[in-house]
Every structure is written in structure tokens, then in C-alpha cells.
mmCIF file of all heavy atoms, coordinates in Angstrom:
data_MODEL
# 
_entry.id   MODEL 
# 
loop_
_atom_site.group_PDB 
_atom_site.id 
_atom_site.type_symbol 
_atom_site.label_atom_id 
_atom_site.label_alt_id 
_atom_site.label_comp_id 
_atom_site.label_asym_id 
_atom_site.label_entity_id 
_atom_site.label_seq_id 
_atom_site.pdbx_PDB_ins_code 
_atom_site.Cartn_x 
_atom_site.Cartn_y 
_atom_site.Cartn_z 
_atom_site.occupancy 
_atom_site.B_iso_or_equiv 
_atom_site.pdbx_formal_charge 
_atom_site.auth_seq_id 
_atom_site.auth_comp_id 
_atom_site.auth_asym_id 
_atom_site.auth_atom_id 
_atom_site.pdbx_PDB_model_num 
ATOM 1   N N   . ARG A 1 1  ? 8.304  -11.819 11.264 1.00 0.00 ? 1  ARG A N   1 
ATOM 2   C CA  . ARG A 1 1  ? 7.109  -11.871 10.458 1.00 0.00 ? 1  ARG A CA  1 
ATOM 3   C C   . ARG A 1 1  ? 7.319  -12.664 9.174  1.00 0.00 ? 1  ARG A C   1 
ATOM 4   O O   . ARG A 1 1  ? 6.506  -13.487 8.789  1.00 0.00 ? 1  ARG A O   1 
ATOM 5   C CB  . ARG A 1 1  ? 6.658  -10.452 10.125 1.00 0.00 ? 1  ARG A CB  1 
ATOM 6   C CG  . ARG A 1 1  ? 5.338  -10.375 9.397  1.00 0.00 ? 1  ARG A CG  1 
ATOM 7   C CD  . ARG A 1 1  ? 4.859  -8.934  9.241  1.00 0.00 ? 1  ARG A CD  1 
ATOM 8   N NE  . ARG A 1 1  ? 3.577  -8.891  8.603  1.00 0.00 ? 1  ARG A NE  1 
ATOM 9   C CZ  . ARG A 1 1  ? 3.417  -8.750  7.308  1.00 0.00 ? 1  ARG A CZ  1 
ATOM 10  N NH1 . ARG A 1 1  ? 4.447  -8.634  6.507  1.00 0.00 ? 1  ARG A NH1 1 
ATOM 11  N NH2 . ARG A 1 1  ? 2.222  -8.749  6.740  1.00 0.00 ? 1  ARG A NH2 1 
ATOM 12  N N   . THR A 1 2  ? 8.499  -12.448 8.550  1.00 0.00 ? 2  THR A N   1 
ATOM 13  C CA  . THR A 1 2  ? 8.821  -13.195 7.313  1.00 0.00 ? 2  THR A CA  1 
ATOM 14  C C   . THR A 1 2  ? 8.891  -14.684 7.607  1.00 0.00 ? 2  THR A C   1 
ATOM 15  O O   . THR A 1 2  ? 8.326  -15.472 6.848  1.00 0.00 ? 2  THR A O   1 
ATOM 16  C CB  . THR A 1 2  ? 10.175 -12.706 6.764  1.00 0.00 ? 2  THR A CB  1 
ATOM 17  O OG1 . THR A 1 2  ? 10.059 -11.322 6.503  1.00 0.00 ? 2  THR A OG1 1 
ATOM 18  C CG2 . THR A 1 2  ? 10.565 -13.445 5.513  1.00 0.00 ? 2  THR A CG2 1 
ATOM 19  N N   . TRP A 1 3  ? 9.575  -15.076 8.684  1.00 0.00 ? 3  TRP A N   1 
ATOM 20  C CA  . TRP A 1 3  ? 9.688  -16.519 8.993  1.00 0.00 ? 3  TRP A CA  1 
ATOM 21  C C   . TRP A 1 3  ? 8.363  -17.118 9.393  1.00 0.00 ? 3  TRP A C   1 
ATOM 22  O O   . TRP A 1 3  ? 8.103  -18.288 9.108  1.00 0.00 ? 3  TRP A O   1 
ATOM 23  C CB  . TRP A 1 3  ? 10.762 -16.731 10.086 1.00 0.00 ? 3  TRP A CB  1 
ATOM 24  C CG  . TRP A 1 3  ? 12.103 -16.642 9.518  1.00 0.00 ? 3  TRP A CG  1 
ATOM 25  C CD1 . TRP A 1 3  ? 13.022 -15.629 9.694  1.00 0.00 ? 3  TRP A CD1 1 
ATOM 26  C CD2 . TRP A 1 3  ? 12.725 -17.616 8.655  1.00 0.00 ? 3  TRP A CD2 1 
ATOM 27  N NE1 . TRP A 1 3  ? 14.149 -15.912 8.999  1.00 0.00 ? 3  TRP A NE1 1 
ATOM 28  C CE2 . TRP A 1 3  ? 14.012 -17.113 8.355  1.00 0.00 ? 3  TRP A CE2 1 
ATOM 29  C CE3 . TRP A 1 3  ? 12.330 -18.809 8.123  1.00 0.00 ? 3  TRP A CE3 1 
ATOM 30  C CZ2 . TRP A 1 3  ? 14.894 -17.799 7.504  1.00 0.00 ? 3  TRP A CZ2 1 
ATOM 31  C CZ3 . TRP A 1 3  ? 13.202 -19.495 7.279  1.00 0.00 ? 3  TRP A CZ3 1 
ATOM 32  C CH2 . TRP A 1 3  ? 14.468 -18.986 6.977  1.00 0.00 ? 3  TRP A CH2 1 
ATOM 33  N N   . LYS A 1 4  ? 7.529  -16.343 10.031 1.00 0.00 ? 4  LYS A N   1 
ATOM 34  C CA  . LYS A 1 4  ? 6.199  -16.836 10.362 1.00 0.00 ? 4  LYS A CA  1 
ATOM 35  C C   . LYS A 1 4  ? 5.367  -17.118 9.140  1.00 0.00 ? 4  LYS A C   1 
ATOM 36  O O   . LYS A 1 4  ? 4.743  -18.172 9.007  1.00 0.00 ? 4  LYS A O   1 
ATOM 37  C CB  . LYS A 1 4  ? 5.478  -15.832 11.294 1.00 0.00 ? 4  LYS A CB  1 
ATOM 38  C CG  . LYS A 1 4  ? 4.187  -16.277 11.847 1.00 0.00 ? 4  LYS A CG  1 
ATOM 39  C CD  . LYS A 1 4  ? 3.653  -15.268 12.791 1.00 0.00 ? 4  LYS A CD  1 
ATOM 40  C CE  . LYS A 1 4  ? 2.370  -15.705 13.439 1.00 0.00 ? 4  LYS A CE  1 
ATOM 41  N NZ  . LYS A 1 4  ? 1.822  -14.699 14.376 1.00 0.00 ? 4  LYS A NZ  1 
ATOM 42  N N   . ILE A 1 5  ? 5.426  -16.187 8.226  1.00 0.00 ? 5  ILE A N   1 
ATOM 43  C CA  . ILE A 1 5  ? 4.703  -16.362 6.930  1.00 0.00 ? 5  ILE A CA  1 
ATOM 44  C C   . ILE A 1 5  ? 5.260  -17.536 6.170  1.00 0.00 ? 5  ILE A C   1 
ATOM 45  O O   . ILE A 1 5  ? 4.532  -18.362 5.642  1.00 0.00 ? 5  ILE A O   1 
ATOM 46  C CB  . ILE A 1 5  ? 4.750  -15.050 6.063  1.00 0.00 ? 5  ILE A CB  1 
ATOM 47  C CG1 . ILE A 1 5  ? 3.917  -13.974 6.738  1.00 0.00 ? 5  ILE A CG1 1 
ATOM 48  C CG2 . ILE A 1 5  ? 4.325  -15.304 4.666  1.00 0.00 ? 5  ILE A CG2 1 
ATOM 49  C CD1 . ILE A 1 5  ? 4.085  -12.605 6.128  1.00 0.00 ? 5  ILE A CD1 1 
ATOM 50  N N   . LEU A 1 6  ? 6.590  -17.663 6.087  1.00 0.00 ? 6  LEU A N   1 
ATOM 51  C CA  . LEU A 1 6  ? 7.226  -18.803 5.412  1.00 0.00 ? 6  LEU A CA  1 
ATOM 52  C C   . LEU A 1 6  ? 6.828  -20.122 6.057  1.00 0.00 ? 6  LEU A C   1 
ATOM 53  O O   . LEU A 1 6  ? 6.598  -21.118 5.332  1.00 0.00 ? 6  LEU A O   1 
ATOM 54  C CB  . LEU A 1 6  ? 8.738  -18.661 5.387  1.00 0.00 ? 6  LEU A CB  1 
ATOM 55  C CG  . LEU A 1 6  ? 9.296  -17.674 4.360  1.00 0.00 ? 6  LEU A CG  1 
ATOM 56  C CD1 . LEU A 1 6  ? 10.807 -17.531 4.574  1.00 0.00 ? 6  LEU A CD1 1 
ATOM 57  C CD2 . LEU A 1 6  ? 9.007  -18.106 2.972  1.00 0.00 ? 6  LEU A CD2 1 
ATOM 58  N N   . SER A 1 7  ? 6.733  -20.154 7.335  1.00 0.00 ? 7  SER A N   1 
ATOM 59  C CA  . SER A 1 7  ? 6.337  -21.377 8.043  1.00 0.00 ? 7  SER A CA  1 
ATOM 60  C C   . SER A 1 7  ? 4.934  -21.832 7.638  1.00 0.00 ? 7  SER A C   1 
ATOM 61  O O   . SER A 1 7  ? 4.701  -22.998 7.368  1.00 0.00 ? 7  SER A O   1 
ATOM 62  C CB  . SER A 1 7  ? 6.377  -21.191 9.553  1.00 0.00 ? 7  SER A CB  1 
ATOM 63  O OG  . SER A 1 7  ? 7.684  -20.949 9.999  1.00 0.00 ? 7  SER A OG  1 
ATOM 64  N N   . PHE A 1 8  ? 4.004  -20.901 7.601  1.00 0.00 ? 8  PHE A N   1 
ATOM 65  C CA  . PHE A 1 8  ? 2.639  -21.246 7.245  1.00 0.00 ? 8  PHE A CA  1 
ATOM 66  C C   . PHE A 1 8  ? 2.434  -21.482 5.766  1.00 0.00 ? 8  PHE A C   1 
ATOM 67  O O   . PHE A 1 8  ? 1.621  -22.311 5.376  1.00 0.00 ? 8  PHE A O   1 
ATOM 68  C CB  . PHE A 1 8  ? 1.665  -20.166 7.762  1.00 0.00 ? 8  PHE A CB  1 
ATOM 69  C CG  . PHE A 1 8  ? 1.499  -20.182 9.263  1.00 0.00 ? 8  PHE A CG  1 
ATOM 70  C CD1 . PHE A 1 8  ? 1.915  -19.122 9.995  1.00 0.00 ? 8  PHE A CD1 1 
ATOM 71  C CD2 . PHE A 1 8  ? 0.946  -21.274 9.891  1.00 0.00 ? 8  PHE A CD2 1 
ATOM 72  C CE1 . PHE A 1 8  ? 1.766  -19.163 11.388 1.00 0.00 ? 8  PHE A CE1 1 
ATOM 73  C CE2 . PHE A 1 8  ? 0.795  -21.296 11.268 1.00 0.00 ? 8  PHE A CE2 1 
ATOM 74  C CZ  . PHE A 1 8  ? 1.200  -20.249 12.006 1.00 0.00 ? 8  PHE A CZ  1 
ATOM 75  N N   . VAL A 1 9  ? 3.143  -20.753 4.904  1.00 0.00 ? 9  VAL A N   1 
ATOM 76  C CA  . VAL A 1 9  ? 2.930  -20.809 3.475  1.00 0.00 ? 9  VAL A CA  1 
ATOM 77  C C   . VAL A 1 9  ? 3.766  -21.905 2.786  1.00 0.00 ? 9  VAL A C   1 
ATOM 78  O O   . VAL A 1 9  ? 3.311  -22.526 1.827  1.00 0.00 ? 9  VAL A O   1 
ATOM 79  C CB  . VAL A 1 9  ? 3.174  -19.441 2.827  1.00 0.00 ? 9  VAL A CB  1 
ATOM 80  C CG1 . VAL A 1 9  ? 3.105  -19.486 1.315  1.00 0.00 ? 9  VAL A CG1 1 
ATOM 81  C CG2 . VAL A 1 9  ? 2.194  -18.393 3.367  1.00 0.00 ? 9  VAL A CG2 1 
ATOM 82  N N   . VAL A 1 10 ? 4.959  -22.155 3.294  1.00 0.00 ? 10 VAL A N   1 
ATOM 83  C CA  . VAL A 1 10 ? 5.852  -23.108 2.638  1.00 0.00 ? 10 VAL A CA  1 
ATOM 84  C C   . VAL A 1 10 ? 6.015  -24.414 3.453  1.00 0.00 ? 10 VAL A C   1 
ATOM 85  O O   . VAL A 1 10 ? 5.820  -25.496 2.933  1.00 0.00 ? 10 VAL A O   1 
ATOM 86  C CB  . VAL A 1 10 ? 7.259  -22.490 2.386  1.00 0.00 ? 10 VAL A CB  1 
ATOM 87  C CG1 . VAL A 1 10 ? 8.212  -23.467 1.794  1.00 0.00 ? 10 VAL A CG1 1 
ATOM 88  C CG2 . VAL A 1 10 ? 7.095  -21.253 1.460  1.00 0.00 ? 10 VAL A CG2 1 
ATOM 89  N N   . ALA A 1 11 ? 6.375  -24.285 4.728  1.00 0.00 ? 11 ALA A N   1 
ATOM 90  C CA  . ALA A 1 11 ? 6.737  -25.466 5.513  1.00 0.00 ? 11 ALA A CA  1 
ATOM 91  C C   . ALA A 1 11 ? 5.522  -26.366 5.786  1.00 0.00 ? 11 ALA A C   1 
ATOM 92  O O   . ALA A 1 11 ? 5.609  -27.571 5.549  1.00 0.00 ? 11 ALA A O   1 
ATOM 93  C CB  . ALA A 1 11 ? 7.380  -25.018 6.834  1.00 0.00 ? 11 ALA A CB  1 
ATOM 94  N N   . LEU A 1 12 ? 4.434  -25.836 6.272  1.00 0.00 ? 12 LEU A N   1 
ATOM 95  C CA  . LEU A 1 12 ? 3.296  -26.672 6.625  1.00 0.00 ? 12 LEU A CA  1 
ATOM 96  C C   . LEU A 1 12 ? 2.707  -27.334 5.363  1.00 0.00 ? 12 LEU A C   1 
ATOM 97  O O   . LEU A 1 12 ? 2.403  -28.532 5.415  1.00 0.00 ? 12 LEU A O   1 
ATOM 98  C CB  . LEU A 1 12 ? 2.241  -25.856 7.386  1.00 0.00 ? 12 LEU A CB  1 
ATOM 99  C CG  . LEU A 1 12 ? 2.664  -25.489 8.784  1.00 0.00 ? 12 LEU A CG  1 
ATOM 100 C CD1 . LEU A 1 12 ? 1.589  -24.623 9.460  1.00 0.00 ? 12 LEU A CD1 1 
ATOM 101 C CD2 . LEU A 1 12 ? 2.974  -26.700 9.624  1.00 0.00 ? 12 LEU A CD2 1 
ATOM 102 N N   . PRO A 1 13 ? 2.499  -26.625 4.250  1.00 0.00 ? 13 PRO A N   1 
ATOM 103 C CA  . PRO A 1 13 ? 2.007  -27.322 3.072  1.00 0.00 ? 13 PRO A CA  1 
ATOM 104 C C   . PRO A 1 13 ? 3.028  -28.357 2.558  1.00 0.00 ? 13 PRO A C   1 
ATOM 105 O O   . PRO A 1 13 ? 2.640  -29.418 2.050  1.00 0.00 ? 13 PRO A O   1 
ATOM 106 C CB  . PRO A 1 13 ? 1.814  -26.205 2.015  1.00 0.00 ? 13 PRO A CB  1 
ATOM 107 C CG  . PRO A 1 13 ? 1.578  -24.988 2.824  1.00 0.00 ? 13 PRO A CG  1 
ATOM 108 C CD  . PRO A 1 13 ? 2.411  -25.163 4.058  1.00 0.00 ? 13 PRO A CD  1 
ATOM 109 N N   . GLY A 1 14 ? 4.318  -28.067 2.702  1.00 0.00 ? 14 GLY A N   1 
ATOM 110 C CA  . GLY A 1 14 ? 5.332  -29.048 2.298  1.00 0.00 ? 14 GLY A CA  1 
ATOM 111 C C   . GLY A 1 14 ? 5.242  -30.328 3.092  1.00 0.00 ? 14 GLY A C   1 
ATOM 112 O O   . GLY A 1 14 ? 5.316  -31.415 2.566  1.00 0.00 ? 14 GLY A O   1 
ATOM 113 N N   . VAL A 1 15 ? 5.042  -30.193 4.400  1.00 0.00 ? 15 VAL A N   1 
ATOM 114 C CA  . VAL A 1 15 ? 4.873  -31.371 5.261  1.00 0.00 ? 15 VAL A CA  1 
ATOM 115 C C   . VAL A 1 15 ? 3.601  -32.110 4.889  1.00 0.00 ? 15 VAL A C   1 
ATOM 116 O O   . VAL A 1 15 ? 3.564  -33.338 4.831  1.00 0.00 ? 15 VAL A O   1 
ATOM 117 C CB  . VAL A 1 15 ? 4.857  -30.957 6.761  1.00 0.00 ? 15 VAL A CB  1 
ATOM 118 C CG1 . VAL A 1 15 ? 4.462  -32.089 7.654  1.00 0.00 ? 15 VAL A CG1 1 
ATOM 119 C CG2 . VAL A 1 15 ? 6.259  -30.459 7.145  1.00 0.00 ? 15 VAL A CG2 1 
ATOM 120 N N   . ALA A 1 16 ? 2.529  -31.370 4.617  1.00 0.00 ? 16 ALA A N   1 
ATOM 121 C CA  . ALA A 1 16 ? 1.243  -31.983 4.218  1.00 0.00 ? 16 ALA A CA  1 
ATOM 122 C C   . ALA A 1 16 ? 1.393  -32.768 2.934  1.00 0.00 ? 16 ALA A C   1 
ATOM 123 O O   . ALA A 1 16 ? 0.890  -33.889 2.780  1.00 0.00 ? 16 ALA A O   1 
ATOM 124 C CB  . ALA A 1 16 ? 0.159  -30.939 4.107  1.00 0.00 ? 16 ALA A CB  1 
ATOM 125 N N   . VAL A 1 17 ? 2.096  -32.217 1.941  1.00 0.00 ? 17 VAL A N   1 
ATOM 126 C CA  . VAL A 1 17 ? 2.314  -32.902 0.660  1.00 0.00 ? 17 VAL A CA  1 
ATOM 127 C C   . VAL A 1 17 ? 3.143  -34.175 0.892  1.00 0.00 ? 17 VAL A C   1 
ATOM 128 O O   . VAL A 1 17 ? 2.863  -35.231 0.293  1.00 0.00 ? 17 VAL A O   1 
ATOM 129 C CB  . VAL A 1 17 ? 2.981  -31.945 -0.354 1.00 0.00 ? 17 VAL A CB  1 
ATOM 130 C CG1 . VAL A 1 17 ? 3.509  -32.707 -1.566 1.00 0.00 ? 17 VAL A CG1 1 
ATOM 131 C CG2 . VAL A 1 17 ? 1.983  -30.882 -0.792 1.00 0.00 ? 17 VAL A CG2 1 
ATOM 132 N N   . CYS A 1 18 ? 4.172  -34.083 1.712  1.00 0.00 ? 18 CYS A N   1 
ATOM 133 C CA  . CYS A 1 18 ? 4.983  -35.280 1.971  1.00 0.00 ? 18 CYS A CA  1 
ATOM 134 C C   . CYS A 1 18 ? 4.164  -36.363 2.687  1.00 0.00 ? 18 CYS A C   1 
ATOM 135 O O   . CYS A 1 18 ? 4.328  -37.545 2.355  1.00 0.00 ? 18 CYS A O   1 
ATOM 136 C CB  . CYS A 1 18 ? 6.199  -34.911 2.856  1.00 0.00 ? 18 CYS A CB  1 
ATOM 137 S SG  . CYS A 1 18 ? 7.408  -33.937 1.988  1.00 0.00 ? 18 CYS A SG  1 
ATOM 138 N N   . MET A 1 19 ? 3.310  -35.973 3.645  1.00 0.00 ? 19 MET A N   1 
ATOM 139 C CA  . MET A 1 19 ? 2.469  -36.966 4.293  1.00 0.00 ? 19 MET A CA  1 
ATOM 140 C C   . MET A 1 19 ? 1.491  -37.591 3.340  1.00 0.00 ? 19 MET A C   1 
ATOM 141 O O   . MET A 1 19 ? 1.256  -38.813 3.361  1.00 0.00 ? 19 MET A O   1 
ATOM 142 C CB  . MET A 1 19 ? 1.709  -36.293 5.462  1.00 0.00 ? 19 MET A CB  1 
ATOM 143 C CG  . MET A 1 19 ? 2.598  -35.931 6.613  1.00 0.00 ? 19 MET A CG  1 
ATOM 144 S SD  . MET A 1 19 ? 1.736  -35.003 7.913  1.00 0.00 ? 19 MET A SD  1 
ATOM 145 C CE  . MET A 1 19 ? 0.438  -36.145 8.391  1.00 0.00 ? 19 MET A CE  1 
ATOM 146 N N   . LEU A 1 20 ? 0.875  -36.805 2.459  1.00 0.00 ? 20 LEU A N   1 
ATOM 147 C CA  . LEU A 1 20 ? -0.047 -37.342 1.452  1.00 0.00 ? 20 LEU A CA  1 
ATOM 148 C C   . LEU A 1 20 ? 0.672  -38.300 0.515  1.00 0.00 ? 20 LEU A C   1 
ATOM 149 O O   . LEU A 1 20 ? 0.165  -39.370 0.207  1.00 0.00 ? 20 LEU A O   1 
ATOM 150 C CB  . LEU A 1 20 ? -0.674 -36.198 0.661  1.00 0.00 ? 20 LEU A CB  1 
ATOM 151 C CG  . LEU A 1 20 ? -1.632 -36.590 -0.465 1.00 0.00 ? 20 LEU A CG  1 
ATOM 152 C CD1 . LEU A 1 20 ? -2.831 -37.313 0.117  1.00 0.00 ? 20 LEU A CD1 1 
ATOM 153 C CD2 . LEU A 1 20 ? -2.059 -35.394 -1.282 1.00 0.00 ? 20 LEU A CD2 1 
ATOM 154 N N   . ASN A 1 21 ? 1.880  -37.919 0.078  1.00 0.00 ? 21 ASN A N   1 
ATOM 155 C CA  . ASN A 1 21 ? 2.656  -38.779 -0.799 1.00 0.00 ? 21 ASN A CA  1 
ATOM 156 C C   . ASN A 1 21 ? 2.932  -40.117 -0.139 1.00 0.00 ? 21 ASN A C   1 
ATOM 157 O O   . ASN A 1 21 ? 2.791  -41.176 -0.737 1.00 0.00 ? 21 ASN A O   1 
ATOM 158 C CB  . ASN A 1 21 ? 3.963  -38.068 -1.176 1.00 0.00 ? 21 ASN A CB  1 
ATOM 159 C CG  . ASN A 1 21 ? 4.813  -38.870 -2.131 1.00 0.00 ? 21 ASN A CG  1 
ATOM 160 O OD1 . ASN A 1 21 ? 4.275  -39.578 -2.966 1.00 0.00 ? 21 ASN A OD1 1 
ATOM 161 N ND2 . ASN A 1 21 ? 6.110  -38.731 -2.010 1.00 0.00 ? 21 ASN A ND2 1 
ATOM 162 N N   . MET A 1 22 ? 3.346  -40.104 1.131  1.00 0.00 ? 22 MET A N   1 
ATOM 163 C CA  . MET A 1 22 ? 3.665  -41.356 1.840  1.00 0.00 ? 22 MET A CA  1 
ATOM 164 C C   . MET A 1 22 ? 2.404  -42.181 2.026  1.00 0.00 ? 22 MET A C   1 
ATOM 165 O O   . MET A 1 22 ? 2.447  -43.411 1.866  1.00 0.00 ? 22 MET A O   1 
ATOM 166 C CB  . MET A 1 22 ? 4.242  -40.982 3.202  1.00 0.00 ? 22 MET A CB  1 
ATOM 167 C CG  . MET A 1 22 ? 5.483  -41.625 3.674  1.00 0.00 ? 22 MET A CG  1 
ATOM 168 S SD  . MET A 1 22 ? 6.578  -42.273 2.443  1.00 0.00 ? 22 MET A SD  1 
ATOM 169 C CE  . MET A 1 22 ? 6.371  -43.965 2.784  1.00 0.00 ? 22 MET A CE  1 
ATOM 170 N N   . TYR A 1 23 ? 1.288  -41.541 2.325  1.00 0.00 ? 23 TYR A N   1 
ATOM 171 C CA  . TYR A 1 23 ? 0.025  -42.278 2.507  1.00 0.00 ? 23 TYR A CA  1 
ATOM 172 C C   . TYR A 1 23 ? -0.385 -42.978 1.209  1.00 0.00 ? 23 TYR A C   1 
ATOM 173 O O   . TYR A 1 23 ? -0.777 -44.134 1.215  1.00 0.00 ? 23 TYR A O   1 
ATOM 174 C CB  . TYR A 1 23 ? -1.062 -41.313 2.994  1.00 0.00 ? 23 TYR A CB  1 
ATOM 175 C CG  . TYR A 1 23 ? -2.420 -41.969 3.111  1.00 0.00 ? 23 TYR A CG  1 
ATOM 176 C CD1 . TYR A 1 23 ? -2.684 -42.807 4.183  1.00 0.00 ? 23 TYR A CD1 1 
ATOM 177 C CD2 . TYR A 1 23 ? -3.393 -41.743 2.149  1.00 0.00 ? 23 TYR A CD2 1 
ATOM 178 C CE1 . TYR A 1 23 ? -3.938 -43.406 4.293  1.00 0.00 ? 23 TYR A CE1 1 
ATOM 179 C CE2 . TYR A 1 23 ? -4.602 -42.361 2.245  1.00 0.00 ? 23 TYR A CE2 1 
ATOM 180 C CZ  . TYR A 1 23 ? -4.877 -43.205 3.306  1.00 0.00 ? 23 TYR A CZ  1 
ATOM 181 O OH  . TYR A 1 23 ? -6.105 -43.820 3.411  1.00 0.00 ? 23 TYR A OH  1 
ATOM 182 N N   . LEU A 1 24 ? -0.298 -42.238 0.101  1.00 0.00 ? 24 LEU A N   1 
ATOM 183 C CA  . LEU A 1 24 ? -0.689 -42.824 -1.179 1.00 0.00 ? 24 LEU A CA  1 
ATOM 184 C C   . LEU A 1 24 ? 0.248  -43.967 -1.589 1.00 0.00 ? 24 LEU A C   1 
ATOM 185 O O   . LEU A 1 24 ? -0.206 -44.982 -2.138 1.00 0.00 ? 24 LEU A O   1 
ATOM 186 C CB  . LEU A 1 24 ? -0.737 -41.748 -2.243 1.00 0.00 ? 24 LEU A CB  1 
ATOM 187 C CG  . LEU A 1 24 ? -1.832 -40.698 -2.068 1.00 0.00 ? 24 LEU A CG  1 
ATOM 188 C CD1 . LEU A 1 24 ? -1.715 -39.627 -3.136 1.00 0.00 ? 24 LEU A CD1 1 
ATOM 189 C CD2 . LEU A 1 24 ? -3.226 -41.341 -2.088 1.00 0.00 ? 24 LEU A CD2 1 
ATOM 190 N N   . LYS A 1 25 ? 1.521  -43.834 -1.307 1.00 0.00 ? 25 LYS A N   1 
ATOM 191 C CA  . LYS A 1 25 ? 2.464  -44.907 -1.654 1.00 0.00 ? 25 LYS A CA  1 
ATOM 192 C C   . LYS A 1 25 ? 2.193  -46.140 -0.802 1.00 0.00 ? 25 LYS A C   1 
ATOM 193 O O   . LYS A 1 25 ? 2.335  -47.277 -1.255 1.00 0.00 ? 25 LYS A O   1 
ATOM 194 C CB  . LYS A 1 25 ? 3.907  -44.435 -1.448 1.00 0.00 ? 25 LYS A CB  1 
ATOM 195 C CG  . LYS A 1 25 ? 4.390  -43.564 -2.555 1.00 0.00 ? 25 LYS A CG  1 
ATOM 196 C CD  . LYS A 1 25 ? 5.840  -43.260 -2.433 1.00 0.00 ? 25 LYS A CD  1 
ATOM 197 C CE  . LYS A 1 25 ? 6.254  -42.332 -3.482 1.00 0.00 ? 25 LYS A CE  1 
ATOM 198 N NZ  . LYS A 1 25 ? 7.050  -42.938 -4.521 1.00 0.00 ? 25 LYS A NZ  1 
ATOM 199 N N   . MET A 1 26 ? 1.811  -45.955 0.462  1.00 0.00 ? 26 MET A N   1 
ATOM 200 C CA  . MET A 1 26 ? 1.543  -47.075 1.335  1.00 0.00 ? 26 MET A CA  1 
ATOM 201 C C   . MET A 1 26 ? 0.233  -47.773 0.906  1.00 0.00 ? 26 MET A C   1 
ATOM 202 O O   . MET A 1 26 ? 0.077  -48.980 1.152  1.00 0.00 ? 26 MET A O   1 
ATOM 203 C CB  . MET A 1 26 ? 1.468  -46.639 2.788  1.00 0.00 ? 26 MET A CB  1 
ATOM 204 C CG  . MET A 1 26 ? 2.816  -46.316 3.387  1.00 0.00 ? 26 MET A CG  1 
ATOM 205 S SD  . MET A 1 26 ? 4.063  -47.610 3.218  1.00 0.00 ? 26 MET A SD  1 
ATOM 206 C CE  . MET A 1 26 ? 3.341  -48.914 4.194  1.00 0.00 ? 26 MET A CE  1 
ATOM 207 N N   . GLN A 1 27 ? -0.686 -47.016 0.329  1.00 0.00 ? 27 GLN A N   1 
ATOM 208 C CA  . GLN A 1 27 ? -1.937 -47.657 -0.149 1.00 0.00 ? 27 GLN A CA  1 
ATOM 209 C C   . GLN A 1 27 ? -1.658 -48.602 -1.295 1.00 0.00 ? 27 GLN A C   1 
ATOM 210 O O   . GLN A 1 27 ? -2.289 -49.614 -1.454 1.00 0.00 ? 27 GLN A O   1 
ATOM 211 C CB  . GLN A 1 27 ? -2.929 -46.571 -0.554 1.00 0.00 ? 27 GLN A CB  1 
ATOM 212 C CG  . GLN A 1 27 ? -3.440 -45.728 0.641  1.00 0.00 ? 27 GLN A CG  1 
ATOM 213 C CD  . GLN A 1 27 ? -4.097 -46.565 1.680  1.00 0.00 ? 27 GLN A CD  1 
ATOM 214 O OE1 . GLN A 1 27 ? -4.869 -47.500 1.400  1.00 0.00 ? 27 GLN A OE1 1 
ATOM 215 N NE2 . GLN A 1 27 ? -3.845 -46.234 2.934  1.00 0.00 ? 27 GLN A NE2 1 
ATOM 216 N N   . GLU A 1 28 ? -0.692 -48.227 -2.174 1.00 0.00 ? 28 GLU A N   1 
ATOM 217 C CA  . GLU A 1 28 ? -0.348 -49.033 -3.323 1.00 0.00 ? 28 GLU A CA  1 
ATOM 218 C C   . GLU A 1 28 ? 0.517  -50.235 -2.923 1.00 0.00 ? 28 GLU A C   1 
ATOM 219 O O   . GLU A 1 28 ? 0.517  -51.249 -3.578 1.00 0.00 ? 28 GLU A O   1 
ATOM 220 C CB  . GLU A 1 28 ? 0.411  -48.221 -4.352 1.00 0.00 ? 28 GLU A CB  1 
ATOM 221 C CG  . GLU A 1 28 ? -0.354 -47.099 -4.946 1.00 0.00 ? 28 GLU A CG  1 
ATOM 222 C CD  . GLU A 1 28 ? 0.529  -46.216 -5.809 1.00 0.00 ? 28 GLU A CD  1 
ATOM 223 O OE1 . GLU A 1 28 ? 1.720  -46.552 -5.978 1.00 0.00 ? 28 GLU A OE1 1 
ATOM 224 O OE2 . GLU A 1 28 ? 0.020  -45.184 -6.305 1.00 0.00 ? 28 GLU A OE2 1 
# 
């Protein structure tokens, strides 16, 4: 249960932030 919560609360938003960062850098 702890790892499931960590996956949804930490890992997925972390991946989303990294993808957004890469997208914005490629736009510039």
C-alpha cells in the first residue's frame, strides 16, 4: 500500500514534471 501510494504521489508527478521540463526546453 505504501509503495502504491508513493508511485501515484511521487513517481508519476515526477515523471510529468520531467516531461514538461523537456517539452519547454525543446520549445526554446
